[in-house]
Structure formats: structure tokens, C-alpha cells
C-alpha atoms as a PDB file:
ATOM      1  CA  MET A   1       0.845 -19.993  53.016  1.00  0.00           C
ATOM      2  CA  PRO A   2      -1.981 -22.475  53.602  1.00  0.00           C
ATOM      3  CA  GLU A   3      -2.090 -25.334  51.089  1.00  0.00           C
ATOM      4  CA  ASP A   4      -5.622 -24.493  49.875  1.00  0.00           C
ATOM      5  CA  GLU A   5      -4.596 -20.900  49.067  1.00  0.00           C
ATOM      6  CA  LYS A   6      -1.516 -22.153  47.264  1.00  0.00           C
ATOM      7  CA  MET A   7      -3.605 -24.574  45.187  1.00  0.00           C
ATOM      8  CA  LEU A   8      -6.069 -21.811  44.326  1.00  0.00           C
ATOM      9  CA  LEU A   9      -3.243 -19.552  43.109  1.00  0.00           C
ATOM     10  CA  ILE A  10      -1.801 -22.381  41.023  1.00  0.00           C
ATOM     11  CA  ARG A  11      -5.194 -23.178  39.508  1.00  0.00           C
ATOM     12  CA  ILE A  12      -5.936 -19.551  38.635  1.00  0.00           C
ATOM     13  CA  ALA A  13      -2.500 -19.008  37.099  1.00  0.00           C
ATOM     14  CA  ALA A  14      -2.756 -22.285  35.166  1.00  0.00           C
ATOM     15  CA  ASP A  15      -6.230 -21.363  33.910  1.00  0.00           C
ATOM     16  CA  MET A  16      -4.983 -17.948  32.812  1.00  0.00           C
ATOM     17  CA  THR A  17      -2.114 -19.635  30.976  1.00  0.00           C
ATOM     18  CA  LYS A  18      -4.640 -21.908  29.279  1.00  0.00           C
ATOM     19  CA  TYR A  19      -6.851 -18.906  28.448  1.00  0.00           C
ATOM     20  CA  TYR A  20      -4.046 -16.995  26.752  1.00  0.00           C
ATOM     21  CA  THR A  21      -2.948 -20.160  24.952  1.00  0.00           C
ATOM     22  CA  PHE A  22      -6.449 -20.641  23.533  1.00  0.00           C
ATOM     23  CA  LEU A  23      -6.510 -16.985  22.439  1.00  0.00           C
ATOM     24  CA  SER A  24      -3.139 -17.439  20.760  1.00  0.00           C
ATOM     25  CA  GLN A  25      -4.276 -20.629  19.015  1.00  0.00           C
ATOM     26  CA  ALA A  26      -7.413 -18.880  17.797  1.00  0.00           C
ATOM     27  CA  LEU A  27      -5.263 -16.140  16.269  1.00  0.00           C
ATOM     28  CA  ARG A  28      -2.946 -18.667  14.654  1.00  0.00           C
ATOM     29  CA  THR A  29      -5.899 -20.213  12.823  1.00  0.00           C
ATOM     30  CA  VAL A  30      -6.059 -16.965  10.859  1.00  0.00           C
ATOM     31  CA  TYR A  31      -2.576 -17.240   9.334  1.00  0.00           C
ATOM     32  CA  ASP A  32      -1.420 -20.840   9.873  1.00  0.00           C
ATOM     33  CA  VAL A  33      -3.297 -23.468   7.849  1.00  0.00           C
ATOM     34  CA  GLU A  34      -1.771 -26.331   9.855  1.00  0.00           C
ATOM     35  CA  VAL A  35      -3.057 -24.924  13.158  1.00  0.00           C
ATOM     36  CA  ALA A  36      -6.444 -24.221  11.594  1.00  0.00           C
ATOM     37  CA  SER A  37      -6.731 -27.849  10.494  1.00  0.00           C
ATOM     38  CA  GLN A  38      -5.875 -29.256  13.943  1.00  0.00           C
ATOM     39  CA  MET A  39      -9.060 -28.146  15.683  1.00  0.00           C
ATOM     40  CA  PRO A  40     -12.272 -26.635  14.309  1.00  0.00           C
ATOM     41  CA  GLN A  41     -12.584 -22.988  15.291  1.00  0.00           C
ATOM     42  CA  GLU A  42     -15.936 -23.575  17.007  1.00  0.00           C
ATOM     43  CA  VAL A  43     -14.374 -26.228  19.281  1.00  0.00           C
ATOM     44  CA  LEU A  44     -11.448 -23.954  20.080  1.00  0.00           C
ATOM     45  CA  LEU A  45     -13.774 -21.040  20.847  1.00  0.00           C
ATOM     46  CA  SER A  46     -15.921 -23.286  23.036  1.00  0.00           C
ATOM     47  CA  LEU A  47     -12.866 -24.257  25.110  1.00  0.00           C
ATOM     48  CA  LEU A  48     -11.779 -20.626  25.221  1.00  0.00           C
ATOM     49  CA  ASN A  49     -15.188 -19.425  26.409  1.00  0.00           C
ATOM     50  CA  LYS A  50     -15.456 -22.154  29.048  1.00  0.00           C
ATOM     51  CA  THR A  51     -12.052 -21.170  30.450  1.00  0.00           C
ATOM     52  CA  ARG A  52     -12.912 -17.469  30.215  1.00  0.00           C
ATOM     53  CA  ASP A  53     -16.222 -17.901  32.042  1.00  0.00           C
ATOM     54  CA  GLY A  54     -14.513 -19.732  34.906  1.00  0.00           C
ATOM     55  CA  LEU A  55     -11.846 -17.065  35.221  1.00  0.00           C
ATOM     56  CA  LEU A  56     -14.354 -14.214  35.149  1.00  0.00           C
ATOM     57  CA  LEU A  57     -16.104 -15.738  38.156  1.00  0.00           C
ATOM     58  CA  VAL A  58     -12.861 -16.063  40.108  1.00  0.00           C
ATOM     59  CA  LEU A  59     -11.610 -12.618  39.085  1.00  0.00           C
ATOM     60  CA  ASN A  60     -14.910 -10.843  39.699  1.00  0.00           C
ATOM     61  CA  GLU A  61     -13.347  -8.674  42.418  1.00  0.00           C
ATOM     62  CA  ASN A  62     -10.130  -7.978  40.482  1.00  0.00           C
ATOM     63  CA  THR A  63     -11.397  -5.505  37.913  1.00  0.00           C
ATOM     64  CA  VAL A  64      -7.970  -4.583  36.531  1.00  0.00           C
ATOM     65  CA  VAL A  65      -7.072  -8.155  35.534  1.00  0.00           C
ATOM     66  CA  LYS A  66     -10.634  -8.896  34.463  1.00  0.00           C
ATOM     67  CA  GLU A  67     -10.799  -5.824  32.210  1.00  0.00           C
ATOM     68  CA  GLY A  68      -7.414  -6.668  30.692  1.00  0.00           C
ATOM     69  CA  MET A  69      -8.562 -10.205  29.919  1.00  0.00           C
ATOM     70  CA  GLU A  70     -11.779  -8.939  28.387  1.00  0.00           C
ATOM     71  CA  GLN A  71     -10.003  -6.331  26.266  1.00  0.00           C
ATOM     72  CA  ILE A  72      -7.719  -8.949  24.719  1.00  0.00           C
ATOM     73  CA  TYR A  73     -10.622 -11.350  24.248  1.00  0.00           C
ATOM     74  CA  HIS A  74     -12.650  -8.757  22.334  1.00  0.00           C
ATOM     75  CA  GLU A  75      -9.632  -7.841  20.220  1.00  0.00           C
ATOM     76  CA  VAL A  76      -9.135 -11.510  19.260  1.00  0.00           C
ATOM     77  CA  ILE A  77     -12.828 -11.903  18.417  1.00  0.00           C
ATOM     78  CA  ARG A  78     -12.671  -8.736  16.299  1.00  0.00           C
ATOM     79  CA  ILE A  79      -9.680 -10.104  14.367  1.00  0.00           C
ATOM     80  CA  LEU A  80     -11.340 -13.506  13.893  1.00  0.00           C
ATOM     81  CA  THR A  81     -14.491 -11.841  12.615  1.00  0.00           C
ATOM     82  CA  ARG A  82     -12.485  -9.767  10.150  1.00  0.00           C
ATOM     83  CA  ALA A  83     -10.584 -12.853   9.001  1.00  0.00           C
ATOM     84  CA  ASN A  84     -13.828 -14.782   8.492  1.00  0.00           C
ATOM     85  CA  THR A  85     -15.062 -12.013   6.197  1.00  0.00           C
ATOM     86  CA  GLY A  86     -11.917 -12.274   4.083  1.00  0.00           C
ATOM     87  CA  ASP A  87     -10.100  -9.188   5.364  1.00  0.00           C
ATOM     88  CA  ALA A  88      -6.476  -9.650   4.247  1.00  0.00           C
ATOM     89  CA  LEU A  89      -5.115  -7.382   6.996  1.00  0.00           C
ATOM     90  CA  ALA A  90      -6.520  -9.633   9.713  1.00  0.00           C
ATOM     91  CA  ALA A  91      -3.607 -12.063   9.339  1.00  0.00           C
ATOM     92  CA  GLU A  92      -1.049  -9.352  10.096  1.00  0.00           C
ATOM     93  CA  GLU A  93      -3.043  -8.175  13.095  1.00  0.00           C
ATOM     94  CA  ALA A  94      -3.328 -11.766  14.301  1.00  0.00           C
ATOM     95  CA  LYS A  95       0.445 -12.231  14.077  1.00  0.00           C
ATOM     96  CA  GLU A  96       1.143  -9.006  15.992  1.00  0.00           C
ATOM     97  CA  LEU A  97      -1.301  -9.726  18.785  1.00  0.00           C
ATOM     98  CA  GLY A  98      -0.099 -13.323  18.836  1.00  0.00           C
ATOM     99  CA  LYS A  99       3.428 -12.111  19.654  1.00  0.00           C
ATOM    100  CA  LYS A 100       2.098 -10.169  22.630  1.00  0.00           C
ATOM    101  CA  LEU A 101       0.105 -13.161  23.817  1.00  0.00           C
ATOM    102  CA  THR A 102       3.192 -15.374  23.592  1.00  0.00           C
ATOM    103  CA  GLU A 103       4.891 -13.091  26.099  1.00  0.00           C
ATOM    104  CA  ARG A 104       1.885 -13.299  28.436  1.00  0.00           C
ATOM    105  CA  ILE A 105       1.845 -17.079  28.134  1.00  0.00           C
ATOM    106  CA  LYS A 106       5.526 -17.252  29.095  1.00  0.00           C
ATOM    107  CA  ALA A 107       4.966 -14.942  32.066  1.00  0.00           C
ATOM    108  CA  MET A 108       1.935 -16.899  33.268  1.00  0.00           C
ATOM    109  CA  SER A 109       3.794 -20.186  32.889  1.00  0.00           C
ATOM    110  CA  ASP A 110       6.632 -18.786  34.997  1.00  0.00           C
ATOM    111  CA  LEU A 111       4.089 -17.679  37.597  1.00  0.00           C
ATOM    112  CA  VAL A 112       2.645 -21.192  37.793  1.00  0.00           C
ATOM    113  CA  ALA A 113       6.156 -22.549  38.362  1.00  0.00           C
ATOM    114  CA  ILE A 114       6.822 -19.983  41.096  1.00  0.00           C
ATOM    115  CA  TYR A 115       3.544 -20.763  42.863  1.00  0.00           C
ATOM    116  CA  ARG A 116       4.311 -24.473  42.780  1.00  0.00           C
ATOM    117  CA  ARG A 117       7.597 -23.838  44.583  1.00  0.00           C
ATOM    118  CA  LEU A 118       5.983 -21.883  47.451  1.00  0.00           C
END
């Protein structure tokens, strides 16, 4: 595999790992006061959106991955909105979705490691 293709794969996988990590952190702000105090939500969402925008450009042709990313993004935003309005059930939803995102983060991290070894 040419080095430039390898580097592109690594960058995309690393950016996706970062994207899911930001989503997970955003969810944790709903139920974990310590995480919420570490970074203002608007800063976290700014980083998330910057990463998301970059990935959407790269994944423009891959509609399956792009749609999956967007679905999770909108679900996180829905939960954050509910939490900001005082909805007590939002914390439980955030924890459940956070568990799923943790699995994605682990898988993406493994993918980065595999790509680096190519």
C-alpha cells in the first residue's frame, strides 16, 4: 500500500476515534459533574463539530458510514438538549449511549493501530 494512502487511512480512523470520543465526553457532561467541569460544553461541541465537518467531507462518498455518524450525532444532540431542559431521563439515556460509544472508540482505536502496522 502506498504511504500516502496508508497515512490517509490512519488520519481518517484517528479522526473518527476523536469524533466518537468527543461525542462520549459530551454525553458524560450530562451525568458526570467532574467531566462537565473540565471543559465548557460549548468548547466541547465546537471541537466535535470541527471534527465532524472534516469527516463529512472525507466520507462524502461513503453514505453508510456518513449516515451512521450523523445518526449518532443527532441522538447525542437530542440527549444534550433534553438534559439542558432538566429532563431527568436524559442522564440514563446518556449513560446507555455512552456505553455503545465506548465500544466504537475501542474498535476505532484498534483500527488505527492496525493501519499503523501496515
